[in-house]
Amino acid sequence: MGKRRAVFLDRDGTINEEVQYLCRVEEFRLIPGVPYALQRLKDAGFLLVVVTNQSGIGRGLYDEAALQAIHDRMHEELGDFGITIDACYFCPHHPEHGVGDYRVECTCRKPQPGMLEQAAEDLDIDLSRSYMIGDKLGDIEAGINAGCVSLMVRTGYGAADAARLPAGVRAYDDLQAAVEAIFAAEGKGKRKRR
């Protein structure tokens, strides 16, 4: 069992504004309040791990170099706030619309827990003491399937998916509100929102 704790984060619609098949750096925009929320998690000792489905690669809409450029921008913008993402994992596959080797039933595409399990192995993470935050039902299910506590944000697709949440999972307006819920559950108190 891992010793470290993490908050797993979906990318599009959770950290940055939702853009369908985001592949252009200039379209990457952090959602307001995200840096503050991430800093609070870092200050509390959580690892920050991005886990993102990127079927646009498998569909042939963009390549891994374009994805890396987006992640470089994300790291740069968060770095301006002194925040470091500890790791990023992505799944390029799609079981129906993938092209060539990308057309596969994999264990990494959310709602499967493969990316979270790989991160747990790589970074010595205790999944049972970690969290998953995302804006889609698949994110929530991936967290549950990995043994994490899952929280939904209503940014991105969350407003539509919130009505279909499994019992015991709550939706929050944004990442800041979800982080407040984590700290409230852990008895760490509430801070003023920025």
N, C-alpha and C. Protein backbone atom coordinates (compact mmCIF):
# COMPACT_ATOMS: atom_id res chain seq x y z
N MET A 1 0.85 -1.19 0.00
CA MET A 1 0.00 0.00 0.00
C MET A 1 0.89 1.24 0.00
N GLY A 2 0.55 2.19 -0.84
CA GLY A 2 1.33 3.42 -0.95
C GLY A 2 1.27 4.27 0.30
N LYS A 3 2.26 5.09 0.42
CA LYS A 3 2.36 5.95 1.60
C LYS A 3 1.90 7.38 1.33
N ARG A 4 1.88 7.76 0.06
CA ARG A 4 1.58 9.15 -0.26
C ARG A 4 0.11 9.30 -0.65
N ARG A 5 -0.36 10.54 -0.54
CA ARG A 5 -1.74 10.85 -0.91
C ARG A 5 -1.72 11.76 -2.12
N ALA A 6 -2.75 11.60 -2.97
CA ALA A 6 -2.82 12.40 -4.19
C ALA A 6 -4.23 12.89 -4.41
N VAL A 7 -4.31 13.98 -5.17
CA VAL A 7 -5.57 14.38 -5.78
C VAL A 7 -5.36 14.22 -7.28
N PHE A 8 -6.12 13.30 -7.85
CA PHE A 8 -6.11 13.09 -9.29
C PHE A 8 -7.08 14.09 -9.91
N LEU A 9 -6.66 14.70 -10.99
CA LEU A 9 -7.45 15.76 -11.61
C LEU A 9 -7.63 15.49 -13.09
N ASP A 10 -8.86 15.53 -13.53
CA ASP A 10 -9.11 15.57 -14.96
C ASP A 10 -8.56 16.92 -15.43
N ARG A 11 -8.26 17.05 -16.71
CA ARG A 11 -7.70 18.31 -17.20
C ARG A 11 -8.79 19.22 -17.77
N ASP A 12 -9.32 18.86 -18.92
CA ASP A 12 -10.28 19.73 -19.62
C ASP A 12 -11.60 19.82 -18.86
N GLY A 13 -12.01 21.03 -18.55
CA GLY A 13 -13.25 21.24 -17.83
C GLY A 13 -13.08 21.23 -16.31
N THR A 14 -11.88 20.87 -15.85
CA THR A 14 -11.60 20.84 -14.42
C THR A 14 -10.49 21.83 -14.08
N ILE A 15 -9.38 21.75 -14.81
CA ILE A 15 -8.26 22.67 -14.63
C ILE A 15 -8.36 23.83 -15.62
N ASN A 16 -8.63 23.49 -16.86
CA ASN A 16 -8.74 24.51 -17.92
C ASN A 16 -10.13 24.48 -18.53
N GLU A 17 -10.46 25.57 -19.19
CA GLU A 17 -11.77 25.68 -19.83
C GLU A 17 -11.93 24.58 -20.87
N GLU A 18 -13.13 24.03 -20.94
CA GLU A 18 -13.42 22.96 -21.88
C GLU A 18 -13.38 23.48 -23.32
N VAL A 19 -12.57 22.84 -24.13
CA VAL A 19 -12.53 23.06 -25.58
C VAL A 19 -12.52 21.68 -26.19
N GLN A 20 -13.52 21.35 -26.99
CA GLN A 20 -13.57 20.00 -27.55
C GLN A 20 -12.33 19.71 -28.37
N TYR A 21 -11.65 18.62 -28.03
CA TYR A 21 -10.40 18.20 -28.69
C TYR A 21 -9.37 19.34 -28.69
N LEU A 22 -9.13 19.86 -27.51
CA LEU A 22 -8.14 20.93 -27.35
C LEU A 22 -6.79 20.48 -27.90
N CYS A 23 -6.28 21.20 -28.88
CA CYS A 23 -4.99 20.82 -29.47
C CYS A 23 -4.15 22.04 -29.83
N ARG A 24 -4.65 23.23 -29.57
CA ARG A 24 -3.91 24.45 -29.88
C ARG A 24 -3.59 25.18 -28.58
N VAL A 25 -2.31 25.44 -28.38
CA VAL A 25 -1.84 26.06 -27.14
C VAL A 25 -2.59 27.35 -26.83
N GLU A 26 -2.87 28.14 -27.86
CA GLU A 26 -3.52 29.43 -27.63
C GLU A 26 -4.96 29.29 -27.13
N GLU A 27 -5.53 28.08 -27.19
CA GLU A 27 -6.88 27.87 -26.67
C GLU A 27 -6.89 27.39 -25.22
N PHE A 28 -5.72 27.18 -24.65
CA PHE A 28 -5.63 26.73 -23.25
C PHE A 28 -5.83 27.92 -22.32
N ARG A 29 -6.84 27.83 -21.44
CA ARG A 29 -7.10 28.88 -20.46
C ARG A 29 -7.46 28.24 -19.12
N LEU A 30 -6.72 28.61 -18.09
CA LEU A 30 -7.04 28.12 -16.75
C LEU A 30 -8.41 28.63 -16.32
N ILE A 31 -9.16 27.78 -15.64
CA ILE A 31 -10.43 28.20 -15.05
C ILE A 31 -10.10 29.09 -13.85
N PRO A 32 -10.78 30.23 -13.70
CA PRO A 32 -10.50 31.10 -12.55
C PRO A 32 -10.56 30.34 -11.22
N GLY A 33 -9.61 30.64 -10.36
CA GLY A 33 -9.56 30.02 -9.04
C GLY A 33 -8.77 28.73 -8.97
N VAL A 34 -8.46 28.13 -10.12
CA VAL A 34 -7.76 26.85 -10.12
C VAL A 34 -6.38 26.93 -9.45
N PRO A 35 -5.56 27.93 -9.76
CA PRO A 35 -4.25 27.97 -9.10
C PRO A 35 -4.34 28.01 -7.57
N TYR A 36 -5.26 28.80 -7.04
CA TYR A 36 -5.42 28.88 -5.60
C TYR A 36 -5.82 27.52 -5.02
N ALA A 37 -6.77 26.86 -5.68
CA ALA A 37 -7.23 25.55 -5.20
C ALA A 37 -6.08 24.53 -5.22
N LEU A 38 -5.31 24.52 -6.29
CA LEU A 38 -4.20 23.59 -6.39
C LEU A 38 -3.13 23.89 -5.34
N GLN A 39 -2.89 25.17 -5.09
CA GLN A 39 -1.89 25.53 -4.07
C GLN A 39 -2.31 25.04 -2.70
N ARG A 40 -3.58 25.13 -2.40
CA ARG A 40 -4.08 24.63 -1.11
C ARG A 40 -3.82 23.14 -0.97
N LEU A 41 -4.04 22.40 -2.06
CA LEU A 41 -3.80 20.96 -2.02
C LEU A 41 -2.31 20.66 -1.82
N LYS A 42 -1.47 21.39 -2.54
CA LYS A 42 -0.02 21.20 -2.39
C LYS A 42 0.42 21.52 -0.96
N ASP A 43 -0.10 22.62 -0.43
CA ASP A 43 0.26 23.02 0.93
C ASP A 43 -0.14 21.96 1.96
N ALA A 44 -1.19 21.21 1.65
CA ALA A 44 -1.66 20.16 2.56
C ALA A 44 -0.91 18.85 2.35
N GLY A 45 0.02 18.83 1.39
CA GLY A 45 0.85 17.66 1.20
C GLY A 45 0.38 16.66 0.16
N PHE A 46 -0.66 17.01 -0.59
CA PHE A 46 -1.13 16.11 -1.64
C PHE A 46 -0.25 16.20 -2.88
N LEU A 47 -0.04 15.07 -3.54
CA LEU A 47 0.51 15.09 -4.88
C LEU A 47 -0.60 15.51 -5.83
N LEU A 48 -0.26 16.21 -6.89
CA LEU A 48 -1.23 16.59 -7.91
C LEU A 48 -0.92 15.80 -9.17
N VAL A 49 -1.89 14.98 -9.61
CA VAL A 49 -1.68 14.10 -10.75
C VAL A 49 -2.81 14.31 -11.75
N VAL A 50 -2.46 14.73 -12.94
CA VAL A 50 -3.45 14.91 -14.01
C VAL A 50 -3.64 13.58 -14.72
N VAL A 51 -4.91 13.18 -14.90
CA VAL A 51 -5.26 11.97 -15.64
C VAL A 51 -6.31 12.37 -16.68
N THR A 52 -5.95 12.28 -17.96
CA THR A 52 -6.82 12.84 -18.99
C THR A 52 -6.98 11.89 -20.18
N ASN A 53 -8.23 11.67 -20.57
CA ASN A 53 -8.51 10.94 -21.81
C ASN A 53 -8.21 11.88 -22.97
N GLN A 54 -7.46 11.41 -23.94
CA GLN A 54 -7.12 12.23 -25.11
C GLN A 54 -7.36 11.42 -26.39
N SER A 55 -8.63 11.06 -26.60
CA SER A 55 -8.96 10.24 -27.77
C SER A 55 -8.76 10.99 -29.07
N GLY A 56 -8.59 12.32 -29.01
CA GLY A 56 -8.29 13.08 -30.22
C GLY A 56 -7.01 12.58 -30.88
N ILE A 57 -6.07 12.07 -30.08
CA ILE A 57 -4.85 11.48 -30.64
C ILE A 57 -5.22 10.22 -31.40
N GLY A 58 -5.98 9.34 -30.75
CA GLY A 58 -6.38 8.09 -31.37
C GLY A 58 -7.25 8.28 -32.60
N ARG A 59 -8.01 9.36 -32.62
CA ARG A 59 -8.88 9.66 -33.76
C ARG A 59 -8.12 10.31 -34.91
N GLY A 60 -6.85 10.66 -34.67
CA GLY A 60 -6.04 11.29 -35.70
C GLY A 60 -6.26 12.78 -35.83
N LEU A 61 -6.86 13.42 -34.82
CA LEU A 61 -7.14 14.85 -34.87
C LEU A 61 -5.93 15.69 -34.50
N TYR A 62 -5.05 15.15 -33.67
CA TYR A 62 -3.79 15.80 -33.30
C TYR A 62 -2.85 14.71 -32.82
N ASP A 63 -1.60 15.07 -32.60
CA ASP A 63 -0.62 14.06 -32.21
C ASP A 63 -0.11 14.31 -30.79
N GLU A 64 0.78 13.44 -30.34
CA GLU A 64 1.29 13.54 -28.98
C GLU A 64 2.14 14.80 -28.78
N ALA A 65 2.76 15.30 -29.85
CA ALA A 65 3.53 16.54 -29.74
C ALA A 65 2.61 17.72 -29.42
N ALA A 66 1.42 17.75 -30.02
CA ALA A 66 0.45 18.81 -29.73
C ALA A 66 -0.01 18.71 -28.27
N LEU A 67 -0.24 17.48 -27.82
CA LEU A 67 -0.63 17.29 -26.42
C LEU A 67 0.47 17.77 -25.48
N GLN A 68 1.72 17.44 -25.81
CA GLN A 68 2.83 17.86 -24.97
C GLN A 68 2.94 19.38 -24.91
N ALA A 69 2.67 20.04 -26.04
CA ALA A 69 2.70 21.51 -26.05
C ALA A 69 1.64 22.09 -25.12
N ILE A 70 0.46 21.47 -25.10
CA ILE A 70 -0.61 21.92 -24.18
C ILE A 70 -0.16 21.71 -22.74
N HIS A 71 0.42 20.55 -22.46
CA HIS A 71 0.87 20.28 -21.09
C HIS A 71 2.01 21.21 -20.69
N ASP A 72 2.89 21.52 -21.64
CA ASP A 72 3.95 22.48 -21.34
C ASP A 72 3.36 23.83 -20.96
N ARG A 73 2.32 24.26 -21.69
CA ARG A 73 1.65 25.53 -21.37
C ARG A 73 1.00 25.46 -19.99
N MET A 74 0.34 24.35 -19.69
CA MET A 74 -0.29 24.18 -18.38
C MET A 74 0.76 24.29 -17.27
N HIS A 75 1.88 23.57 -17.43
CA HIS A 75 2.94 23.63 -16.42
C HIS A 75 3.49 25.05 -16.28
N GLU A 76 3.65 25.73 -17.41
CA GLU A 76 4.18 27.10 -17.41
C GLU A 76 3.24 28.05 -16.67
N GLU A 77 1.95 27.98 -17.01
CA GLU A 77 0.99 28.90 -16.39
C GLU A 77 0.85 28.62 -14.89
N LEU A 78 0.80 27.34 -14.51
CA LEU A 78 0.71 27.02 -13.10
C LEU A 78 2.02 27.36 -12.39
N GLY A 79 3.13 27.19 -13.09
CA GLY A 79 4.43 27.55 -12.53
C GLY A 79 4.52 29.02 -12.18
N ASP A 80 3.81 29.86 -12.95
CA ASP A 80 3.78 31.29 -12.64
C ASP A 80 3.18 31.56 -11.26
N PHE A 81 2.38 30.60 -10.77
CA PHE A 81 1.79 30.70 -9.43
C PHE A 81 2.57 29.88 -8.41
N GLY A 82 3.70 29.30 -8.83
CA GLY A 82 4.51 28.49 -7.93
C GLY A 82 3.98 27.08 -7.74
N ILE A 83 3.14 26.62 -8.67
CA ILE A 83 2.51 25.30 -8.52
C ILE A 83 3.14 24.32 -9.50
N THR A 84 3.45 23.14 -8.98
CA THR A 84 4.00 22.07 -9.80
C THR A 84 3.03 20.90 -9.82
N ILE A 85 2.70 20.44 -11.02
CA ILE A 85 1.94 19.20 -11.17
C ILE A 85 2.96 18.07 -11.07
N ASP A 86 2.70 17.08 -10.23
CA ASP A 86 3.67 16.02 -9.99
C ASP A 86 3.78 15.03 -11.14
N ALA A 87 2.68 14.80 -11.85
CA ALA A 87 2.72 13.87 -12.99
C ALA A 87 1.47 14.07 -13.84
N CYS A 88 1.61 13.77 -15.13
CA CYS A 88 0.48 13.78 -16.06
C CYS A 88 0.42 12.43 -16.77
N TYR A 89 -0.76 11.85 -16.80
CA TYR A 89 -0.99 10.60 -17.52
C TYR A 89 -2.11 10.87 -18.52
N PHE A 90 -1.99 10.25 -19.70
CA PHE A 90 -3.05 10.41 -20.69
C PHE A 90 -3.33 9.09 -21.38
N CYS A 91 -4.56 8.95 -21.83
CA CYS A 91 -4.97 7.78 -22.61
C CYS A 91 -5.33 8.26 -24.01
N PRO A 92 -4.62 7.78 -25.05
CA PRO A 92 -4.90 8.21 -26.41
C PRO A 92 -5.89 7.29 -27.14
N HIS A 93 -6.36 6.26 -26.46
CA HIS A 93 -7.14 5.22 -27.13
C HIS A 93 -8.63 5.55 -27.24
N HIS A 94 -9.28 4.88 -28.18
CA HIS A 94 -10.74 4.86 -28.24
C HIS A 94 -11.16 3.53 -28.83
N PRO A 95 -12.08 2.82 -28.17
CA PRO A 95 -12.43 1.47 -28.63
C PRO A 95 -13.19 1.43 -29.95
N GLU A 96 -13.85 2.51 -30.33
CA GLU A 96 -14.64 2.51 -31.56
C GLU A 96 -14.10 3.46 -32.62
N HIS A 97 -13.61 4.62 -32.20
CA HIS A 97 -13.21 5.65 -33.16
C HIS A 97 -11.70 5.81 -33.30
N GLY A 98 -10.94 5.00 -32.56
CA GLY A 98 -9.50 5.05 -32.69
C GLY A 98 -9.05 4.53 -34.05
N VAL A 99 -7.90 5.02 -34.50
CA VAL A 99 -7.34 4.62 -35.78
C VAL A 99 -6.12 3.74 -35.52
N GLY A 100 -6.00 2.65 -36.26
CA GLY A 100 -4.83 1.78 -36.13
C GLY A 100 -4.68 1.22 -34.73
N ASP A 101 -3.46 1.32 -34.20
CA ASP A 101 -3.17 0.77 -32.87
C ASP A 101 -3.92 1.49 -31.75
N TYR A 102 -4.50 2.64 -32.04
CA TYR A 102 -5.23 3.39 -31.01
C TYR A 102 -6.66 2.86 -30.83
N ARG A 103 -7.11 2.01 -31.74
CA ARG A 103 -8.46 1.46 -31.62
C ARG A 103 -8.38 0.18 -30.79
N VAL A 104 -8.57 0.35 -29.50
CA VAL A 104 -8.37 -0.77 -28.59
C VAL A 104 -9.20 -0.56 -27.32
N GLU A 105 -9.66 -1.68 -26.76
CA GLU A 105 -10.27 -1.65 -25.42
C GLU A 105 -9.11 -1.68 -24.44
N CYS A 106 -8.87 -0.60 -23.73
CA CYS A 106 -7.72 -0.51 -22.85
C CYS A 106 -8.19 -0.42 -21.39
N THR A 107 -7.24 -0.45 -20.51
CA THR A 107 -7.57 -0.29 -19.08
C THR A 107 -7.23 1.12 -18.59
N CYS A 108 -6.73 1.97 -19.51
CA CYS A 108 -6.35 3.32 -19.08
C CYS A 108 -7.44 4.37 -19.37
N ARG A 109 -8.31 4.12 -20.33
CA ARG A 109 -9.34 5.11 -20.67
C ARG A 109 -10.38 5.16 -19.56
N LYS A 110 -10.52 6.36 -18.96
CA LYS A 110 -11.55 6.52 -17.94
C LYS A 110 -12.92 6.19 -18.58
N PRO A 111 -13.77 5.44 -17.92
CA PRO A 111 -13.88 5.18 -16.49
C PRO A 111 -13.01 4.04 -15.94
N GLN A 112 -12.19 3.41 -16.77
CA GLN A 112 -11.27 2.40 -16.25
C GLN A 112 -10.24 3.10 -15.34
N PRO A 113 -9.71 2.41 -14.36
CA PRO A 113 -8.81 3.04 -13.38
C PRO A 113 -7.33 2.96 -13.73
N GLY A 114 -6.98 2.53 -14.93
CA GLY A 114 -5.59 2.25 -15.26
C GLY A 114 -4.62 3.39 -15.03
N MET A 115 -4.99 4.62 -15.41
CA MET A 115 -4.06 5.75 -15.21
C MET A 115 -3.81 6.00 -13.73
N LEU A 116 -4.85 5.90 -12.93
CA LEU A 116 -4.69 6.12 -11.49
C LEU A 116 -3.86 5.01 -10.86
N GLU A 117 -4.09 3.78 -11.30
CA GLU A 117 -3.33 2.65 -10.77
C GLU A 117 -1.86 2.75 -11.17
N GLN A 118 -1.60 3.18 -12.40
CA GLN A 118 -0.21 3.34 -12.84
C GLN A 118 0.49 4.43 -12.02
N ALA A 119 -0.22 5.54 -11.79
CA ALA A 119 0.34 6.62 -10.98
C ALA A 119 0.62 6.13 -9.56
N ALA A 120 -0.30 5.34 -9.01
CA ALA A 120 -0.11 4.82 -7.65
C ALA A 120 1.16 3.98 -7.57
N GLU A 121 1.38 3.16 -8.60
CA GLU A 121 2.59 2.33 -8.64
C GLU A 121 3.84 3.19 -8.81
N ASP A 122 3.76 4.16 -9.73
CA ASP A 122 4.93 4.99 -10.03
C ASP A 122 5.32 5.91 -8.87
N LEU A 123 4.31 6.43 -8.17
CA LEU A 123 4.55 7.48 -7.18
C LEU A 123 4.29 7.06 -5.74
N ASP A 124 4.05 5.76 -5.51
CA ASP A 124 3.82 5.23 -4.17
C ASP A 124 2.61 5.91 -3.50
N ILE A 125 1.49 5.89 -4.21
CA ILE A 125 0.26 6.55 -3.74
C ILE A 125 -0.69 5.53 -3.12
N ASP A 126 -1.28 5.89 -2.01
CA ASP A 126 -2.34 5.10 -1.38
C ASP A 126 -3.66 5.58 -1.97
N LEU A 127 -4.21 4.80 -2.88
CA LEU A 127 -5.45 5.20 -3.56
C LEU A 127 -6.62 5.35 -2.59
N SER A 128 -6.65 4.55 -1.55
CA SER A 128 -7.77 4.60 -0.60
C SER A 128 -7.78 5.89 0.22
N ARG A 129 -6.67 6.61 0.21
CA ARG A 129 -6.58 7.89 0.94
C ARG A 129 -6.45 9.06 -0.02
N SER A 130 -6.83 8.84 -1.27
CA SER A 130 -6.68 9.87 -2.31
C SER A 130 -8.03 10.23 -2.90
N TYR A 131 -8.02 11.25 -3.74
CA TYR A 131 -9.25 11.81 -4.32
C TYR A 131 -9.12 11.91 -5.83
N MET A 132 -10.28 11.86 -6.49
CA MET A 132 -10.37 12.10 -7.93
C MET A 132 -11.37 13.21 -8.14
N ILE A 133 -10.98 14.26 -8.89
CA ILE A 133 -11.89 15.36 -9.19
C ILE A 133 -11.98 15.51 -10.71
N GLY A 134 -13.21 15.55 -11.22
CA GLY A 134 -13.40 15.72 -12.65
C GLY A 134 -14.78 16.26 -12.97
N ASP A 135 -14.99 16.52 -14.26
CA ASP A 135 -16.25 17.13 -14.69
C ASP A 135 -17.14 16.17 -15.47
N LYS A 136 -16.72 14.90 -15.59
CA LYS A 136 -17.52 13.92 -16.33
C LYS A 136 -17.77 12.70 -15.46
N LEU A 137 -18.85 12.01 -15.78
CA LEU A 137 -19.18 10.79 -15.06
C LEU A 137 -18.04 9.78 -15.16
N GLY A 138 -17.37 9.70 -16.30
CA GLY A 138 -16.24 8.78 -16.46
C GLY A 138 -15.12 9.06 -15.49
N ASP A 139 -14.89 10.34 -15.17
CA ASP A 139 -13.87 10.71 -14.18
C ASP A 139 -14.24 10.16 -12.81
N ILE A 140 -15.50 10.36 -12.46
CA ILE A 140 -16.00 9.93 -11.16
C ILE A 140 -15.88 8.42 -11.03
N GLU A 141 -16.30 7.72 -12.09
CA GLU A 141 -16.26 6.26 -12.07
C GLU A 141 -14.82 5.74 -12.02
N ALA A 142 -13.89 6.42 -12.70
CA ALA A 142 -12.49 6.01 -12.64
C ALA A 142 -11.97 6.10 -11.22
N GLY A 143 -12.31 7.19 -10.53
CA GLY A 143 -11.90 7.34 -9.14
C GLY A 143 -12.47 6.25 -8.26
N ILE A 144 -13.75 5.99 -8.41
CA ILE A 144 -14.41 4.94 -7.62
C ILE A 144 -13.78 3.59 -7.94
N ASN A 145 -13.57 3.31 -9.22
CA ASN A 145 -12.98 2.03 -9.63
C ASN A 145 -11.57 1.84 -9.10
N ALA A 146 -10.87 2.95 -8.85
CA ALA A 146 -9.51 2.88 -8.30
C ALA A 146 -9.51 2.86 -6.77
N GLY A 147 -10.67 3.08 -6.16
CA GLY A 147 -10.75 3.08 -4.70
C GLY A 147 -10.57 4.45 -4.06
N CYS A 148 -10.67 5.51 -4.87
CA CYS A 148 -10.55 6.88 -4.36
C CYS A 148 -11.92 7.45 -4.01
N VAL A 149 -11.91 8.55 -3.28
CA VAL A 149 -13.12 9.35 -3.09
C VAL A 149 -13.23 10.26 -4.31
N SER A 150 -14.39 10.28 -4.96
CA SER A 150 -14.57 11.08 -6.17
C SER A 150 -15.47 12.28 -5.91
N LEU A 151 -15.11 13.41 -6.54
CA LEU A 151 -15.90 14.63 -6.47
C LEU A 151 -16.05 15.18 -7.88
N MET A 152 -17.23 15.70 -8.18
CA MET A 152 -17.47 16.28 -9.51
C MET A 152 -17.49 17.80 -9.41
N VAL A 153 -16.96 18.44 -10.45
CA VAL A 153 -17.09 19.89 -10.58
C VAL A 153 -18.07 20.18 -11.72
N ARG A 154 -18.83 21.26 -11.57
CA ARG A 154 -19.85 21.60 -12.57
C ARG A 154 -19.28 22.43 -13.72
N THR A 155 -18.00 22.72 -13.67
CA THR A 155 -17.36 23.39 -14.80
C THR A 155 -17.24 22.35 -15.91
N GLY A 156 -16.99 22.77 -17.14
CA GLY A 156 -16.91 21.79 -18.23
C GLY A 156 -18.25 21.11 -18.42
N TYR A 157 -18.22 19.78 -18.49
CA TYR A 157 -19.44 19.00 -18.71
C TYR A 157 -20.18 18.67 -17.43
N GLY A 158 -19.65 19.08 -16.29
CA GLY A 158 -20.21 18.69 -15.01
C GLY A 158 -21.63 19.13 -14.77
N ALA A 159 -22.03 20.25 -15.34
CA ALA A 159 -23.41 20.72 -15.14
C ALA A 159 -24.40 19.70 -15.68
N ALA A 160 -24.07 19.08 -16.81
CA ALA A 160 -24.96 18.08 -17.41
C ALA A 160 -24.84 16.73 -16.71
N ASP A 161 -23.63 16.32 -16.35
CA ASP A 161 -23.41 14.99 -15.78
C ASP A 161 -23.78 14.91 -14.30
N ALA A 162 -23.92 16.05 -13.62
CA ALA A 162 -24.18 16.03 -12.17
C ALA A 162 -25.46 15.30 -11.82
N ALA A 163 -26.45 15.31 -12.71
CA ALA A 163 -27.72 14.65 -12.44
C ALA A 163 -27.60 13.12 -12.43
N ARG A 164 -26.51 12.60 -12.97
CA ARG A 164 -26.35 11.14 -13.08
C ARG A 164 -25.31 10.57 -12.11
N LEU A 165 -24.97 11.31 -11.08
CA LEU A 165 -23.92 10.86 -10.17
C LEU A 165 -24.35 9.65 -9.35
N PRO A 166 -23.40 8.75 -9.07
CA PRO A 166 -23.71 7.63 -8.20
C PRO A 166 -24.02 8.12 -6.78
N ALA A 167 -24.71 7.30 -6.04
CA ALA A 167 -25.05 7.65 -4.66
C ALA A 167 -23.77 7.94 -3.87
N GLY A 168 -23.83 8.99 -3.07
CA GLY A 168 -22.71 9.35 -2.22
C GLY A 168 -21.70 10.28 -2.84
N VAL A 169 -21.83 10.57 -4.14
CA VAL A 169 -20.90 11.48 -4.82
C VAL A 169 -21.61 12.82 -5.00
N ARG A 170 -20.91 13.89 -4.67
CA ARG A 170 -21.51 15.22 -4.77
C ARG A 170 -20.84 16.02 -5.87
N ALA A 171 -21.59 17.00 -6.39
CA ALA A 171 -21.06 17.93 -7.39
C ALA A 171 -20.87 19.29 -6.73
N TYR A 172 -19.81 19.98 -7.16
CA TYR A 172 -19.46 21.29 -6.61
C TYR A 172 -19.32 22.27 -7.77
N ASP A 173 -19.50 23.55 -7.47
CA ASP A 173 -19.50 24.55 -8.54
C ASP A 173 -18.19 24.57 -9.32
N ASP A 174 -17.06 24.40 -8.63
CA ASP A 174 -15.77 24.50 -9.30
C ASP A 174 -14.71 23.81 -8.44
N LEU A 175 -13.48 23.86 -8.88
CA LEU A 175 -12.40 23.18 -8.17
C LEU A 175 -12.21 23.74 -6.76
N GLN A 176 -12.33 25.04 -6.60
CA GLN A 176 -12.18 25.62 -5.27
C GLN A 176 -13.20 25.03 -4.30
N ALA A 177 -14.44 24.90 -4.74
CA ALA A 177 -15.49 24.36 -3.87
C ALA A 177 -15.23 22.88 -3.56
N ALA A 178 -14.74 22.14 -4.54
CA ALA A 178 -14.42 20.73 -4.31
C ALA A 178 -13.28 20.59 -3.30
N VAL A 179 -12.27 21.45 -3.40
CA VAL A 179 -11.15 21.42 -2.47
C VAL A 179 -11.63 21.77 -1.06
N GLU A 180 -12.52 22.75 -0.96
CA GLU A 180 -13.09 23.09 0.35
C GLU A 180 -13.80 21.88 0.94
N ALA A 181 -14.50 21.12 0.11
CA ALA A 181 -15.21 19.92 0.59
C ALA A 181 -14.23 18.87 1.10
N ILE A 182 -13.10 18.72 0.41
CA ILE A 182 -12.08 17.78 0.88
C ILE A 182 -11.57 18.20 2.25
N PHE A 183 -11.26 19.47 2.40
CA PHE A 183 -10.73 19.94 3.68
C PHE A 183 -11.78 19.88 4.79
N ALA A 184 -13.03 20.15 4.44
CA ALA A 184 -14.10 20.05 5.44
C ALA A 184 -14.23 18.60 5.93
N ALA A 185 -14.16 17.66 4.97
CA ALA A 185 -14.27 16.24 5.34
C ALA A 185 -13.09 15.79 6.20
N GLU A 186 -11.95 16.42 5.99
CA GLU A 186 -10.75 16.06 6.75
C GLU A 186 -10.56 16.94 7.99
N GLY A 187 -11.52 17.85 8.23
CA GLY A 187 -11.46 18.69 9.42
C GLY A 187 -10.41 19.78 9.38
N LYS A 188 -10.06 20.24 8.18
CA LYS A 188 -9.01 21.26 8.07
C LYS A 188 -9.58 22.68 7.99
N GLY A 189 -10.88 22.83 8.02
CA GLY A 189 -11.46 24.17 8.03
C GLY A 189 -11.55 24.82 6.68
N LYS A 190 -12.21 25.94 6.67
CA LYS A 190 -12.50 26.67 5.43
C LYS A 190 -11.70 27.95 5.36
N ARG A 191 -11.26 28.25 4.14
CA ARG A 191 -10.59 29.52 3.89
C ARG A 191 -11.42 30.37 2.96
N LYS A 192 -11.17 31.64 3.00
CA LYS A 192 -11.86 32.56 2.10
C LYS A 192 -11.48 32.24 0.65
N ARG A 193 -12.48 32.21 -0.22
CA ARG A 193 -12.25 31.95 -1.65
C ARG A 193 -11.57 33.14 -2.29
N ARG A 194 -10.74 32.86 -3.28
CA ARG A 194 -10.06 33.93 -4.03
C ARG A 194 -10.55 33.95 -5.44
